[in-house]
C-alpha atoms as a PDB file:
ATOM      1  CA  MET A   1     -12.575  -2.927 -11.354  1.00  0.00           C
ATOM      2  CA  ASN A   2     -14.512  -1.988  -8.197  1.00  0.00           C
ATOM      3  CA  ALA A   3     -14.524   1.071  -5.934  1.00  0.00           C
ATOM      4  CA  ALA A   4     -11.967  -0.741  -3.694  1.00  0.00           C
ATOM      5  CA  THR A   5      -9.546  -1.635  -6.373  1.00  0.00           C
ATOM      6  CA  GLN A   6      -9.421   1.962  -8.046  1.00  0.00           C
ATOM      7  CA  THR A   7      -6.748   3.892  -7.035  1.00  0.00           C
ATOM      8  CA  ARG A   8      -4.334   7.187  -8.135  1.00  0.00           C
ATOM      9  CA  PHE A   9      -0.602   7.679  -7.923  1.00  0.00           C
ATOM     10  CA  LEU A  10      -0.933  11.568  -6.792  1.00  0.00           C
ATOM     11  CA  GLY A  11       3.004  12.326  -6.668  1.00  0.00           C
ATOM     12  CA  ASP A  12       5.531  14.073  -9.587  1.00  0.00           C
ATOM     13  CA  THR A  13       5.398  11.430 -12.161  1.00  0.00           C
ATOM     14  CA  ALA A  14       7.664  13.637 -14.449  1.00  0.00           C
ATOM     15  CA  GLN A  15      10.827  11.603 -13.696  1.00  0.00           C
ATOM     16  CA  VAL A  16       8.708   8.102 -14.278  1.00  0.00           C
ATOM     17  CA  ASP A  17       9.530   6.616 -17.799  1.00  0.00           C
ATOM     18  CA  HIS A  18       6.518   4.167 -17.905  1.00  0.00           C
ATOM     19  CA  LEU A  19       3.767   3.756 -15.883  1.00  0.00           C
ATOM     20  CA  VAL A  20       1.908   0.013 -15.019  1.00  0.00           C
ATOM     21  CA  PRO A  21      -2.248   0.892 -15.450  1.00  0.00           C
ATOM     22  CA  LEU A  22      -3.347  -1.023 -11.650  1.00  0.00           C
ATOM     23  CA  GLY A  23      -6.351  -2.612 -13.880  1.00  0.00           C
ATOM     24  CA  ASP A  24      -3.757  -4.464 -15.499  1.00  0.00           C
ATOM     25  CA  ILE A  25      -2.508  -5.586 -12.368  1.00  0.00           C
ATOM     26  CA  ILE A  26      -5.127  -6.104  -9.720  1.00  0.00           C
ATOM     27  CA  ARG A  27      -7.765  -9.020 -11.628  1.00  0.00           C
ATOM     28  CA  PRO A  28      -8.902 -11.906 -10.946  1.00  0.00           C
ATOM     29  CA  GLU A  29      -6.515 -14.354 -13.138  1.00  0.00           C
ATOM     30  CA  ASN A  30      -3.810 -12.625 -11.904  1.00  0.00           C
ATOM     31  CA  PHE A  31      -4.322 -13.466  -8.427  1.00  0.00           C
ATOM     32  CA  ALA A  32      -5.214 -16.896  -9.212  1.00  0.00           C
ATOM     33  CA  MET A  33      -1.685 -17.548 -10.918  1.00  0.00           C
ATOM     34  CA  GLU A  34      -0.414 -15.707  -7.877  1.00  0.00           C
ATOM     35  CA  ARG A  35      -1.926 -18.430  -5.181  1.00  0.00           C
ATOM     36  CA  GLU A  36      -1.128 -20.714  -7.396  1.00  0.00           C
ATOM     37  CA  ARG A  37       2.717 -20.149  -8.258  1.00  0.00           C
ATOM     38  CA  ILE A  38       3.485 -18.772  -5.046  1.00  0.00           C
ATOM     39  CA  PHE A  39       1.697 -19.276  -2.557  1.00  0.00           C
ATOM     40  CA  ARG A  40       0.903 -22.907  -3.129  1.00  0.00           C
ATOM     41  CA  ARG A  41       4.425 -23.976  -3.463  1.00  0.00           C
ATOM     42  CA  SER A  42       6.419 -22.898  -0.479  1.00  0.00           C
ATOM     43  CA  TRP A  43       5.919 -22.953   3.327  1.00  0.00           C
ATOM     44  CA  LEU A  44       3.629 -20.590   4.873  1.00  0.00           C
ATOM     45  CA  PRO A  45       4.725 -19.712   8.509  1.00  0.00           C
ATOM     46  CA  VAL A  46       1.779 -20.124  11.004  1.00  0.00           C
ATOM     47  CA  ALA A  47       2.889 -20.547  14.492  1.00  0.00           C
ATOM     48  CA  HIS A  48       6.753 -20.444  16.139  1.00  0.00           C
ATOM     49  CA  ARG A  49       8.052 -23.254  18.085  1.00  0.00           C
ATOM     50  CA  HIS A  50       7.277 -22.053  21.593  1.00  0.00           C
ATOM     51  CA  ASP A  51       3.510 -21.796  20.399  1.00  0.00           C
ATOM     52  CA  PHE A  52       3.606 -26.033  20.990  1.00  0.00           C
ATOM     53  CA  PRO A  53       4.103 -27.305  24.526  1.00  0.00           C
ATOM     54  CA  GLU A  54       5.736 -30.195  23.934  1.00  0.00           C
ATOM     55  CA  ARG A  55       7.646 -32.762  21.368  1.00  0.00           C
ATOM     56  CA  GLY A  56       5.124 -34.031  18.855  1.00  0.00           C
ATOM     57  CA  SER A  57       2.708 -31.098  19.788  1.00  0.00           C
ATOM     58  CA  TYR A  58       1.041 -30.011  16.446  1.00  0.00           C
ATOM     59  CA  ARG A  59      -1.419 -27.618  14.828  1.00  0.00           C
ATOM     60  CA  VAL A  60      -3.529 -27.930  11.920  1.00  0.00           C
ATOM     61  CA  ILE A  61      -4.581 -24.373  10.181  1.00  0.00           C
ATOM     62  CA  GLU A  62      -7.062 -23.887   7.721  1.00  0.00           C
ATOM     63  CA  VAL A  63      -5.897 -20.690   5.415  1.00  0.00           C
ATOM     64  CA  PRO A  64      -8.479 -19.291   3.301  1.00  0.00           C
ATOM     65  CA  LEU A  65      -7.179 -18.590  -0.482  1.00  0.00           C
ATOM     66  CA  PHE A  66     -10.035 -16.399  -0.740  1.00  0.00           C
END
């Protein structure tokens, strides 16, 4: 894990039953799985209908997946 993904919760953890280590969640393989299971299986809104001046207009957008 690099410095950009390191963080610490500084609040009161006395009432927390279970802490999940951030390093276990933010890993490249988890991100790859989320891209496949979430983002590739659903439509992503990239424009509003008012962005298209007339019937039949369309827009092509390249969405980077990091």
